[in-house]
């Protein structure tokens, strides 16, 4: 399966969006609610229809950047937040994003949508994109890794082995406030550069 731009454009065109929960996820909402510095430079990769992006923006965070292979989700975000600068909505490959020195990168279903063969590249790219002391935070799926995806799963042990050599793991634990369909299938994490 080639998870390229055409693949994702077709998923949006056919409304085949099983990952779309229709609102900001509870764990990310509660994490965002405790962030005090509204000037953080934030990246949300593969944001889908951008519920977290809209929530961030409406909560006073204006320096939010989104990158997605598909144009449709970026257009949807722009329609919801007309005042967001177009330069902050990037249609392109995450792995080609130049170093931006982000304070925070929010993870919500992007990691699980990538071919598992790219996971080490993901870790290195995230590390490169964050400034020193920057954080990668969000949710990772906790169900057996299969090749029947996306989404592709993983486990706490796998994630520790993957991220620990590069990041400081501040939090990596079962999410206690996941939505019902994802209960006991998500890990909340905060990794620091």
N, C-alpha and C. Protein backbone atom coordinates (compact mmCIF):
# COMPACT_ATOMS: atom_id res chain seq x y z
N UNK A 1 0.84 -1.18 0.00
CA UNK A 1 0.00 0.00 0.00
C UNK A 1 0.89 1.24 0.00
N UNK A 2 0.63 2.14 -0.94
CA UNK A 2 1.40 3.37 -1.04
C UNK A 2 0.63 4.50 -0.37
N UNK A 3 1.06 4.91 0.80
CA UNK A 3 0.35 5.93 1.57
C UNK A 3 0.80 7.32 1.14
N UNK A 4 0.62 7.61 -0.14
CA UNK A 4 1.09 8.87 -0.71
C UNK A 4 -0.03 9.90 -0.78
N UNK A 5 0.25 11.03 -1.41
CA UNK A 5 -0.72 12.12 -1.53
C UNK A 5 -2.02 11.64 -2.17
N UNK A 6 -1.92 10.86 -3.26
CA UNK A 6 -3.12 10.36 -3.95
C UNK A 6 -3.97 9.49 -3.02
N UNK A 7 -3.32 8.66 -2.24
CA UNK A 7 -4.04 7.80 -1.30
C UNK A 7 -4.86 8.64 -0.32
N UNK A 8 -4.23 9.64 0.29
CA UNK A 8 -4.91 10.45 1.29
C UNK A 8 -5.96 11.36 0.66
N UNK A 9 -5.69 11.89 -0.53
CA UNK A 9 -6.70 12.70 -1.23
C UNK A 9 -7.95 11.85 -1.49
N UNK A 10 -7.75 10.60 -1.89
CA UNK A 10 -8.88 9.72 -2.15
C UNK A 10 -9.65 9.40 -0.87
N UNK A 11 -8.94 9.20 0.23
CA UNK A 11 -9.62 8.94 1.52
C UNK A 11 -10.54 10.11 1.88
N UNK A 12 -10.07 11.33 1.69
CA UNK A 12 -10.90 12.50 1.99
C UNK A 12 -12.04 12.63 0.98
N UNK A 13 -11.74 12.43 -0.30
CA UNK A 13 -12.77 12.56 -1.34
C UNK A 13 -13.90 11.57 -1.14
N UNK A 14 -13.57 10.36 -0.67
CA UNK A 14 -14.59 9.32 -0.48
C UNK A 14 -15.15 9.32 0.95
N UNK A 15 -14.73 10.30 1.75
CA UNK A 15 -15.17 10.41 3.15
C UNK A 15 -14.88 9.13 3.94
N UNK A 16 -13.76 8.49 3.63
CA UNK A 16 -13.32 7.28 4.32
C UNK A 16 -12.39 7.71 5.46
N UNK A 17 -13.00 8.25 6.52
CA UNK A 17 -12.26 8.93 7.58
C UNK A 17 -12.54 8.30 8.94
N UNK A 18 -12.24 7.03 9.06
CA UNK A 18 -12.53 6.31 10.30
C UNK A 18 -11.86 6.89 11.53
N UNK A 19 -10.79 7.65 11.35
CA UNK A 19 -10.08 8.23 12.49
C UNK A 19 -10.74 9.52 12.97
N UNK A 20 -11.63 10.10 12.16
CA UNK A 20 -12.22 11.40 12.45
C UNK A 20 -13.30 11.25 13.53
N UNK A 21 -13.08 11.84 14.70
CA UNK A 21 -14.06 11.71 15.79
C UNK A 21 -15.01 12.91 15.85
N UNK A 22 -14.80 13.90 15.01
CA UNK A 22 -15.72 15.01 14.90
C UNK A 22 -15.53 16.14 15.90
N UNK A 23 -14.52 16.03 16.74
CA UNK A 23 -14.25 17.07 17.74
C UNK A 23 -12.83 16.89 18.27
N UNK A 24 -12.38 17.86 19.06
CA UNK A 24 -11.07 17.74 19.69
C UNK A 24 -11.11 16.53 20.64
N UNK A 25 -10.07 15.74 20.66
CA UNK A 25 -10.05 14.57 21.55
C UNK A 25 -9.88 15.05 23.00
N UNK A 26 -10.55 14.38 23.90
CA UNK A 26 -10.53 14.78 25.32
C UNK A 26 -9.11 14.86 25.89
N UNK A 27 -8.24 13.86 25.68
CA UNK A 27 -6.90 13.98 26.27
C UNK A 27 -6.13 15.19 25.75
N UNK A 28 -6.26 15.50 24.46
CA UNK A 28 -5.54 16.66 23.94
C UNK A 28 -6.18 17.96 24.41
N UNK A 29 -7.49 18.01 24.50
CA UNK A 29 -8.17 19.20 25.01
C UNK A 29 -7.68 19.52 26.42
N UNK A 30 -7.64 18.50 27.26
CA UNK A 30 -7.22 18.73 28.64
C UNK A 30 -5.74 19.10 28.73
N UNK A 31 -4.93 18.57 27.83
CA UNK A 31 -3.51 18.95 27.79
C UNK A 31 -3.39 20.42 27.35
N UNK A 32 -4.10 20.78 26.29
CA UNK A 32 -4.06 22.16 25.79
C UNK A 32 -4.53 23.13 26.87
N UNK A 33 -5.56 22.74 27.62
CA UNK A 33 -6.12 23.62 28.65
C UNK A 33 -5.12 23.99 29.74
N UNK A 34 -4.12 23.15 29.94
CA UNK A 34 -3.15 23.48 30.99
C UNK A 34 -1.91 24.21 30.46
N UNK A 35 -1.85 24.44 29.15
CA UNK A 35 -0.74 25.20 28.57
C UNK A 35 -0.96 26.69 28.84
N UNK A 36 0.02 27.35 29.43
CA UNK A 36 -0.14 28.76 29.80
C UNK A 36 0.45 29.73 28.79
N UNK A 37 1.52 29.33 28.11
CA UNK A 37 2.21 30.23 27.18
C UNK A 37 1.52 30.22 25.81
N UNK A 38 0.74 31.25 25.54
CA UNK A 38 -0.02 31.33 24.29
C UNK A 38 0.87 31.65 23.08
N UNK A 39 2.14 31.96 23.33
CA UNK A 39 3.07 32.29 22.25
C UNK A 39 3.84 31.08 21.72
N UNK A 40 3.53 29.90 22.24
CA UNK A 40 4.23 28.71 21.77
C UNK A 40 4.11 28.56 20.26
N UNK A 41 5.20 28.15 19.63
CA UNK A 41 5.17 27.82 18.20
C UNK A 41 4.84 26.33 18.11
N UNK A 42 3.66 26.03 17.55
CA UNK A 42 3.10 24.68 17.59
C UNK A 42 2.96 24.11 16.18
N UNK A 43 3.30 22.84 16.04
CA UNK A 43 3.08 22.10 14.79
C UNK A 43 2.08 20.98 15.06
N UNK A 44 1.11 20.84 14.15
CA UNK A 44 0.19 19.70 14.18
C UNK A 44 0.31 19.00 12.83
N UNK A 45 1.07 17.90 12.78
CA UNK A 45 1.23 17.19 11.51
C UNK A 45 0.05 16.27 11.23
N UNK A 46 -0.35 16.18 9.96
CA UNK A 46 -1.45 15.30 9.60
C UNK A 46 -2.68 15.57 10.45
N UNK A 47 -3.11 16.82 10.50
CA UNK A 47 -4.13 17.25 11.45
C UNK A 47 -5.55 16.82 11.08
N UNK A 48 -5.73 16.19 9.94
CA UNK A 48 -7.10 15.87 9.54
C UNK A 48 -7.89 17.16 9.42
N UNK A 49 -9.14 17.14 9.87
CA UNK A 49 -9.96 18.34 9.77
C UNK A 49 -9.67 19.37 10.86
N UNK A 50 -8.65 19.11 11.65
CA UNK A 50 -8.07 20.14 12.50
C UNK A 50 -8.86 20.56 13.72
N UNK A 51 -9.55 19.63 14.34
CA UNK A 51 -10.32 19.99 15.54
C UNK A 51 -9.39 20.52 16.63
N UNK A 52 -8.22 19.91 16.78
CA UNK A 52 -7.25 20.39 17.77
C UNK A 52 -6.72 21.76 17.37
N UNK A 53 -6.52 21.97 16.09
CA UNK A 53 -6.02 23.26 15.59
C UNK A 53 -7.03 24.36 15.89
N UNK A 54 -8.29 24.11 15.59
CA UNK A 54 -9.35 25.09 15.86
C UNK A 54 -9.45 25.36 17.36
N UNK A 55 -9.36 24.30 18.17
CA UNK A 55 -9.43 24.48 19.62
C UNK A 55 -8.26 25.32 20.12
N UNK A 56 -7.06 25.02 19.63
CA UNK A 56 -5.88 25.80 19.99
C UNK A 56 -6.10 27.28 19.63
N UNK A 57 -6.52 27.52 18.40
CA UNK A 57 -6.68 28.88 17.92
C UNK A 57 -7.71 29.63 18.76
N UNK A 58 -8.83 28.99 19.02
CA UNK A 58 -9.89 29.63 19.82
C UNK A 58 -9.48 29.80 21.28
N UNK A 59 -8.44 29.08 21.70
CA UNK A 59 -7.93 29.20 23.08
C UNK A 59 -6.83 30.24 23.19
N UNK A 60 -6.54 30.93 22.08
CA UNK A 60 -5.56 32.02 22.11
C UNK A 60 -4.20 31.71 21.53
N UNK A 61 -3.99 30.49 21.04
CA UNK A 61 -2.72 30.13 20.41
C UNK A 61 -2.82 30.50 18.92
N UNK A 62 -1.96 31.39 18.46
CA UNK A 62 -2.05 31.87 17.07
C UNK A 62 -0.89 31.37 16.20
N UNK A 63 0.20 30.93 16.83
CA UNK A 63 1.37 30.50 16.07
C UNK A 63 1.32 28.98 15.84
N UNK A 64 0.26 28.55 15.19
CA UNK A 64 0.01 27.13 14.93
C UNK A 64 0.29 26.84 13.47
N UNK A 65 1.05 25.79 13.23
CA UNK A 65 1.38 25.38 11.87
C UNK A 65 0.85 23.96 11.65
N UNK A 66 0.34 23.73 10.46
CA UNK A 66 -0.23 22.42 10.11
C UNK A 66 0.45 21.97 8.83
N UNK A 67 0.81 20.69 8.78
CA UNK A 67 1.30 20.12 7.52
C UNK A 67 0.52 18.85 7.24
N UNK A 68 0.10 18.72 5.99
CA UNK A 68 -0.66 17.54 5.57
C UNK A 68 -0.36 17.29 4.10
N UNK A 69 -0.33 16.02 3.71
CA UNK A 69 -0.14 15.67 2.31
C UNK A 69 -1.35 16.06 1.46
N UNK A 70 -2.52 15.99 2.05
CA UNK A 70 -3.77 16.25 1.32
C UNK A 70 -4.19 17.71 1.47
N UNK A 71 -4.75 18.26 0.43
CA UNK A 71 -5.22 19.64 0.43
C UNK A 71 -6.55 19.81 1.18
N UNK A 72 -7.45 18.81 1.10
CA UNK A 72 -8.80 18.96 1.67
C UNK A 72 -8.81 19.35 3.15
N UNK A 73 -8.02 18.69 4.01
CA UNK A 73 -8.07 19.08 5.42
C UNK A 73 -7.58 20.51 5.66
N UNK A 74 -6.59 20.94 4.89
CA UNK A 74 -6.09 22.31 5.05
C UNK A 74 -7.15 23.33 4.64
N UNK A 75 -7.88 23.02 3.56
CA UNK A 75 -8.96 23.91 3.14
C UNK A 75 -10.07 23.97 4.20
N UNK A 76 -10.34 22.84 4.83
CA UNK A 76 -11.36 22.79 5.88
C UNK A 76 -10.94 23.63 7.08
N UNK A 77 -9.67 23.54 7.45
CA UNK A 77 -9.15 24.34 8.57
C UNK A 77 -9.24 25.83 8.23
N UNK A 78 -8.86 26.19 7.00
CA UNK A 78 -8.92 27.60 6.57
C UNK A 78 -10.35 28.12 6.59
N UNK A 79 -11.30 27.27 6.23
CA UNK A 79 -12.71 27.68 6.27
C UNK A 79 -13.18 27.91 7.71
N UNK A 80 -12.65 27.13 8.65
CA UNK A 80 -13.03 27.29 10.06
C UNK A 80 -12.30 28.45 10.73
N UNK A 81 -11.08 28.73 10.26
CA UNK A 81 -10.26 29.82 10.82
C UNK A 81 -9.79 30.69 9.66
N UNK A 82 -10.64 31.52 9.08
CA UNK A 82 -10.25 32.31 7.91
C UNK A 82 -9.04 33.21 8.15
N UNK A 83 -8.84 33.65 9.40
CA UNK A 83 -7.75 34.59 9.69
C UNK A 83 -6.39 33.91 9.86
N UNK A 84 -6.34 32.58 9.88
CA UNK A 84 -5.03 31.91 10.02
C UNK A 84 -4.23 32.15 8.74
N UNK A 85 -2.98 32.58 8.86
CA UNK A 85 -2.17 32.83 7.68
C UNK A 85 -2.00 31.56 6.82
N UNK A 86 -2.16 31.71 5.52
CA UNK A 86 -2.01 30.58 4.61
C UNK A 86 -0.64 29.94 4.75
N UNK A 87 0.37 30.74 5.09
CA UNK A 87 1.74 30.23 5.24
C UNK A 87 1.85 29.22 6.38
N UNK A 88 0.87 29.19 7.29
CA UNK A 88 0.89 28.26 8.40
C UNK A 88 0.15 26.95 8.08
N UNK A 89 -0.44 26.88 6.88
CA UNK A 89 -1.13 25.68 6.40
C UNK A 89 -0.33 25.12 5.24
N UNK A 90 0.48 24.12 5.52
CA UNK A 90 1.46 23.63 4.56
C UNK A 90 0.98 22.32 3.94
N UNK A 91 0.83 22.33 2.63
CA UNK A 91 0.49 21.10 1.92
C UNK A 91 1.80 20.50 1.44
N UNK A 92 2.20 19.39 2.05
CA UNK A 92 3.47 18.79 1.70
C UNK A 92 3.78 17.60 2.58
N UNK A 93 4.96 17.07 2.35
CA UNK A 93 5.44 15.89 3.06
C UNK A 93 6.13 16.31 4.35
N UNK A 94 5.64 15.82 5.45
CA UNK A 94 6.21 16.10 6.77
C UNK A 94 7.72 15.88 6.78
N UNK A 95 8.19 14.84 6.12
CA UNK A 95 9.61 14.50 6.16
C UNK A 95 10.46 15.49 5.37
N UNK A 96 9.83 16.35 4.58
CA UNK A 96 10.56 17.38 3.84
C UNK A 96 10.48 18.75 4.50
N UNK A 97 9.79 18.84 5.63
CA UNK A 97 9.65 20.11 6.34
C UNK A 97 11.02 20.54 6.86
N UNK A 98 11.36 21.79 6.59
CA UNK A 98 12.64 22.31 7.05
C UNK A 98 12.59 22.59 8.54
N UNK A 99 13.76 22.63 9.17
CA UNK A 99 13.84 22.86 10.60
C UNK A 99 13.15 24.17 10.97
N UNK A 100 12.17 24.08 11.86
CA UNK A 100 11.35 25.23 12.22
C UNK A 100 11.47 25.62 13.69
N UNK A 101 12.17 24.87 14.50
CA UNK A 101 12.33 25.18 15.93
C UNK A 101 11.00 25.34 16.65
N UNK A 102 10.18 24.30 16.62
CA UNK A 102 8.89 24.33 17.30
C UNK A 102 9.07 24.13 18.80
N UNK A 103 8.19 24.78 19.56
CA UNK A 103 8.14 24.58 21.01
C UNK A 103 7.37 23.32 21.36
N UNK A 104 6.35 23.02 20.53
CA UNK A 104 5.46 21.90 20.81
C UNK A 104 4.98 21.31 19.49
N UNK A 105 4.99 19.99 19.42
CA UNK A 105 4.36 19.27 18.30
C UNK A 105 3.30 18.38 18.90
N UNK A 106 2.07 18.52 18.41
CA UNK A 106 0.95 17.71 18.89
C UNK A 106 0.72 16.53 17.97
N UNK A 107 0.68 15.36 18.56
CA UNK A 107 0.48 14.10 17.83
C UNK A 107 -0.94 13.59 18.06
N UNK A 108 -1.68 13.45 16.97
CA UNK A 108 -3.04 12.90 17.05
C UNK A 108 -3.30 12.13 15.75
N UNK A 109 -3.07 10.85 15.76
CA UNK A 109 -3.30 9.89 14.66
C UNK A 109 -2.35 10.05 13.47
N UNK A 110 -1.37 10.93 13.54
CA UNK A 110 -0.41 11.04 12.43
C UNK A 110 0.56 9.85 12.44
N UNK A 111 1.15 9.58 13.60
CA UNK A 111 2.12 8.49 13.73
C UNK A 111 1.53 7.17 13.25
N UNK A 112 0.29 6.89 13.66
CA UNK A 112 -0.34 5.60 13.34
C UNK A 112 -0.74 5.50 11.87
N UNK A 113 -0.73 6.63 11.16
CA UNK A 113 -1.10 6.62 9.74
C UNK A 113 0.10 6.40 8.83
N UNK A 114 1.29 6.51 9.39
CA UNK A 114 2.51 6.31 8.61
C UNK A 114 2.84 4.83 8.48
N UNK A 115 3.45 4.48 7.36
CA UNK A 115 3.97 3.13 7.21
C UNK A 115 4.92 2.86 8.39
N UNK A 116 4.74 1.76 9.11
CA UNK A 116 5.60 1.48 10.27
C UNK A 116 7.09 1.48 9.95
N UNK A 117 7.46 1.27 8.70
CA UNK A 117 8.88 1.31 8.32
C UNK A 117 9.47 2.71 8.49
N UNK A 118 8.60 3.73 8.61
CA UNK A 118 9.07 5.11 8.74
C UNK A 118 9.17 5.58 10.19
N UNK A 119 8.93 4.71 11.13
CA UNK A 119 8.87 5.15 12.53
C UNK A 119 10.19 5.71 13.05
N UNK A 120 11.30 5.12 12.71
CA UNK A 120 12.59 5.67 13.15
C UNK A 120 12.83 7.04 12.50
N UNK A 121 12.43 7.18 11.24
CA UNK A 121 12.55 8.47 10.56
C UNK A 121 11.68 9.52 11.25
N UNK A 122 10.48 9.11 11.69
CA UNK A 122 9.56 9.99 12.41
C UNK A 122 10.24 10.53 13.67
N UNK A 123 10.85 9.65 14.44
CA UNK A 123 11.50 10.06 15.68
C UNK A 123 12.60 11.09 15.38
N UNK A 124 13.43 10.81 14.39
CA UNK A 124 14.52 11.72 14.05
C UNK A 124 14.01 13.06 13.55
N UNK A 125 12.96 13.02 12.72
CA UNK A 125 12.41 14.26 12.18
C UNK A 125 11.79 15.10 13.28
N UNK A 126 11.05 14.47 14.19
CA UNK A 126 10.46 15.20 15.31
C UNK A 126 11.54 15.86 16.15
N UNK A 127 12.61 15.13 16.41
CA UNK A 127 13.72 15.67 17.19
C UNK A 127 14.32 16.88 16.48
N UNK A 128 14.49 16.77 15.17
CA UNK A 128 15.05 17.87 14.37
C UNK A 128 14.16 19.11 14.40
N UNK A 129 12.85 18.92 14.35
CA UNK A 129 11.90 20.04 14.26
C UNK A 129 11.71 20.79 15.57
N UNK A 130 12.01 20.14 16.70
CA UNK A 130 11.82 20.77 18.00
C UNK A 130 13.06 21.55 18.42
N UNK A 131 12.82 22.68 19.08
CA UNK A 131 13.95 23.39 19.64
C UNK A 131 14.36 22.72 20.96
N UNK A 132 15.54 22.98 21.48
CA UNK A 132 15.94 22.36 22.75
C UNK A 132 14.90 22.66 23.83
N UNK A 133 14.51 21.63 24.55
CA UNK A 133 13.47 21.76 25.56
C UNK A 133 12.07 21.66 25.00
N UNK A 134 11.95 21.57 23.67
CA UNK A 134 10.64 21.43 23.03
C UNK A 134 10.02 20.08 23.34
N UNK A 135 8.69 20.03 23.17
CA UNK A 135 7.97 18.81 23.52
C UNK A 135 7.17 18.26 22.36
N UNK A 136 7.17 16.95 22.28
CA UNK A 136 6.29 16.18 21.39
C UNK A 136 5.28 15.53 22.32
N UNK A 137 3.99 15.84 22.14
CA UNK A 137 2.98 15.35 23.07
C UNK A 137 1.74 14.93 22.31
N UNK A 138 1.02 13.97 22.88
CA UNK A 138 -0.23 13.56 22.26
C UNK A 138 -0.59 12.14 22.58
N UNK A 139 -1.13 11.47 21.58
CA UNK A 139 -1.66 10.12 21.75
C UNK A 139 -1.05 9.16 20.75
N UNK A 140 -0.80 7.95 21.21
CA UNK A 140 -0.37 6.85 20.36
C UNK A 140 -1.32 5.69 20.59
N UNK A 141 -1.66 4.98 19.53
CA UNK A 141 -2.55 3.83 19.69
C UNK A 141 -1.82 2.69 20.39
N UNK A 142 -2.58 1.98 21.22
CA UNK A 142 -2.06 0.84 21.98
C UNK A 142 -2.89 -0.39 21.62
N UNK A 143 -2.57 -0.96 20.48
CA UNK A 143 -3.13 -2.25 20.06
C UNK A 143 -2.10 -2.90 19.17
N UNK A 144 -2.17 -4.21 19.00
CA UNK A 144 -1.10 -4.92 18.29
C UNK A 144 -0.80 -4.33 16.91
N UNK A 145 0.47 -4.20 16.63
CA UNK A 145 0.93 -3.71 15.34
C UNK A 145 0.59 -4.75 14.28
N UNK A 146 -0.16 -4.32 13.27
CA UNK A 146 -0.47 -5.19 12.14
C UNK A 146 -0.14 -4.44 10.87
N UNK A 147 -0.14 -5.13 9.77
CA UNK A 147 0.07 -4.48 8.49
C UNK A 147 -1.26 -4.09 7.86
N UNK A 148 -2.36 -4.35 8.59
CA UNK A 148 -3.69 -3.96 8.11
C UNK A 148 -3.98 -2.56 8.62
N UNK A 149 -3.54 -1.61 7.92
CA UNK A 149 -3.77 -0.23 8.35
C UNK A 149 -3.74 0.67 7.14
N UNK A 150 -3.76 1.93 7.33
CA UNK A 150 -3.79 2.59 8.62
C UNK A 150 -5.17 2.53 9.27
N UNK A 151 -5.24 2.65 10.60
CA UNK A 151 -4.14 2.93 11.51
C UNK A 151 -3.32 1.69 11.82
N UNK A 152 -2.05 1.92 12.09
CA UNK A 152 -1.14 0.86 12.52
C UNK A 152 -0.94 1.02 14.03
N UNK A 153 -0.94 -0.05 14.73
CA UNK A 153 -0.84 -0.01 16.18
C UNK A 153 0.57 -0.03 16.69
N UNK A 154 0.69 -0.41 17.94
CA UNK A 154 1.97 -0.50 18.62
C UNK A 154 1.70 -0.70 20.10
N UNK A 155 2.77 -0.74 20.89
CA UNK A 155 2.63 -0.98 22.32
C UNK A 155 3.54 -0.06 23.11
N UNK A 156 3.26 0.08 24.38
CA UNK A 156 4.06 0.91 25.26
C UNK A 156 5.53 0.50 25.18
N UNK A 157 5.79 -0.79 25.23
CA UNK A 157 7.18 -1.29 25.18
C UNK A 157 7.86 -0.88 23.87
N UNK A 158 7.16 -1.04 22.75
CA UNK A 158 7.72 -0.65 21.46
C UNK A 158 8.03 0.85 21.42
N UNK A 159 7.10 1.66 21.95
CA UNK A 159 7.30 3.10 21.92
C UNK A 159 8.45 3.52 22.81
N UNK A 160 8.58 2.88 23.98
CA UNK A 160 9.73 3.18 24.84
C UNK A 160 11.04 2.90 24.12
N UNK A 161 11.11 1.74 23.46
CA UNK A 161 12.33 1.37 22.75
C UNK A 161 12.61 2.30 21.57
N UNK A 162 11.55 2.78 20.94
CA UNK A 162 11.70 3.65 19.77
C UNK A 162 12.11 5.07 20.16
N UNK A 163 11.47 5.63 21.18
CA UNK A 163 11.67 7.04 21.51
C UNK A 163 12.74 7.30 22.57
N UNK A 164 12.96 6.35 23.48
CA UNK A 164 13.85 6.61 24.61
C UNK A 164 15.28 6.97 24.23
N UNK A 165 15.86 6.37 23.21
CA UNK A 165 17.24 6.75 22.90
C UNK A 165 17.39 8.22 22.47
N UNK A 166 16.31 8.82 21.98
CA UNK A 166 16.38 10.17 21.43
C UNK A 166 15.76 11.22 22.34
N UNK A 167 14.64 10.89 22.95
CA UNK A 167 13.88 11.84 23.77
C UNK A 167 13.92 11.46 25.24
N UNK A 168 13.69 12.45 26.09
CA UNK A 168 13.40 12.19 27.50
C UNK A 168 11.90 11.90 27.58
N UNK A 169 11.55 10.77 28.14
CA UNK A 169 10.15 10.39 28.27
C UNK A 169 9.63 10.93 29.61
N UNK A 170 8.87 12.03 29.53
CA UNK A 170 8.28 12.61 30.73
C UNK A 170 7.03 11.85 31.15
N UNK A 171 6.21 11.47 30.16
CA UNK A 171 4.97 10.72 30.40
C UNK A 171 4.78 9.75 29.24
N UNK A 172 4.42 8.53 29.54
CA UNK A 172 3.99 7.54 28.55
C UNK A 172 3.15 6.53 29.31
N UNK A 173 1.84 6.73 29.26
CA UNK A 173 0.94 5.92 30.09
C UNK A 173 -0.43 5.82 29.43
N UNK A 174 -1.19 4.83 29.87
CA UNK A 174 -2.56 4.67 29.39
C UNK A 174 -3.33 5.96 29.57
N UNK A 175 -4.01 6.38 28.54
CA UNK A 175 -4.86 7.57 28.63
C UNK A 175 -6.09 7.23 29.46
N UNK A 176 -6.35 8.04 30.46
CA UNK A 176 -7.48 7.79 31.37
C UNK A 176 -8.75 8.51 30.92
N UNK A 177 -8.66 9.37 29.91
CA UNK A 177 -9.81 10.16 29.51
C UNK A 177 -10.09 10.06 28.01
N UNK A 178 -9.76 8.93 27.42
CA UNK A 178 -10.03 8.71 26.00
C UNK A 178 -11.54 8.63 25.77
N UNK A 179 -11.95 8.94 24.54
CA UNK A 179 -13.36 8.76 24.21
C UNK A 179 -13.68 7.27 24.25
N UNK A 180 -14.93 6.94 24.45
CA UNK A 180 -15.34 5.56 24.67
C UNK A 180 -14.85 4.58 23.60
N UNK A 181 -14.98 4.90 22.30
CA UNK A 181 -14.50 3.94 21.29
C UNK A 181 -12.99 3.67 21.35
N UNK A 182 -12.23 4.56 21.98
CA UNK A 182 -10.78 4.39 22.06
C UNK A 182 -10.31 4.06 23.48
N UNK A 183 -11.25 3.82 24.38
CA UNK A 183 -10.90 3.49 25.77
C UNK A 183 -9.98 2.27 25.79
N UNK A 184 -8.91 2.37 26.57
CA UNK A 184 -7.91 1.30 26.72
C UNK A 184 -7.15 1.00 25.43
N UNK A 185 -7.22 1.91 24.45
CA UNK A 185 -6.49 1.71 23.20
C UNK A 185 -5.57 2.89 22.89
N UNK A 186 -5.41 3.82 23.85
CA UNK A 186 -4.57 4.98 23.62
C UNK A 186 -3.60 5.18 24.77
N UNK A 187 -2.41 5.64 24.42
CA UNK A 187 -1.39 6.05 25.40
C UNK A 187 -1.18 7.54 25.26
N UNK A 188 -1.21 8.25 26.37
CA UNK A 188 -0.88 9.67 26.35
C UNK A 188 0.60 9.81 26.64
N UNK A 189 1.25 10.75 25.94
CA UNK A 189 2.69 10.88 26.14
C UNK A 189 3.13 12.34 26.06
N UNK A 190 4.23 12.61 26.72
CA UNK A 190 4.96 13.87 26.59
C UNK A 190 6.43 13.49 26.53
N UNK A 191 7.06 13.75 25.39
CA UNK A 191 8.49 13.49 25.20
C UNK A 191 9.17 14.84 25.04
N UNK A 192 10.36 14.96 25.61
CA UNK A 192 11.07 16.24 25.59
C UNK A 192 12.43 16.11 24.92
N UNK A 193 12.76 17.12 24.13
CA UNK A 193 14.07 17.15 23.46
C UNK A 193 15.12 17.66 24.45
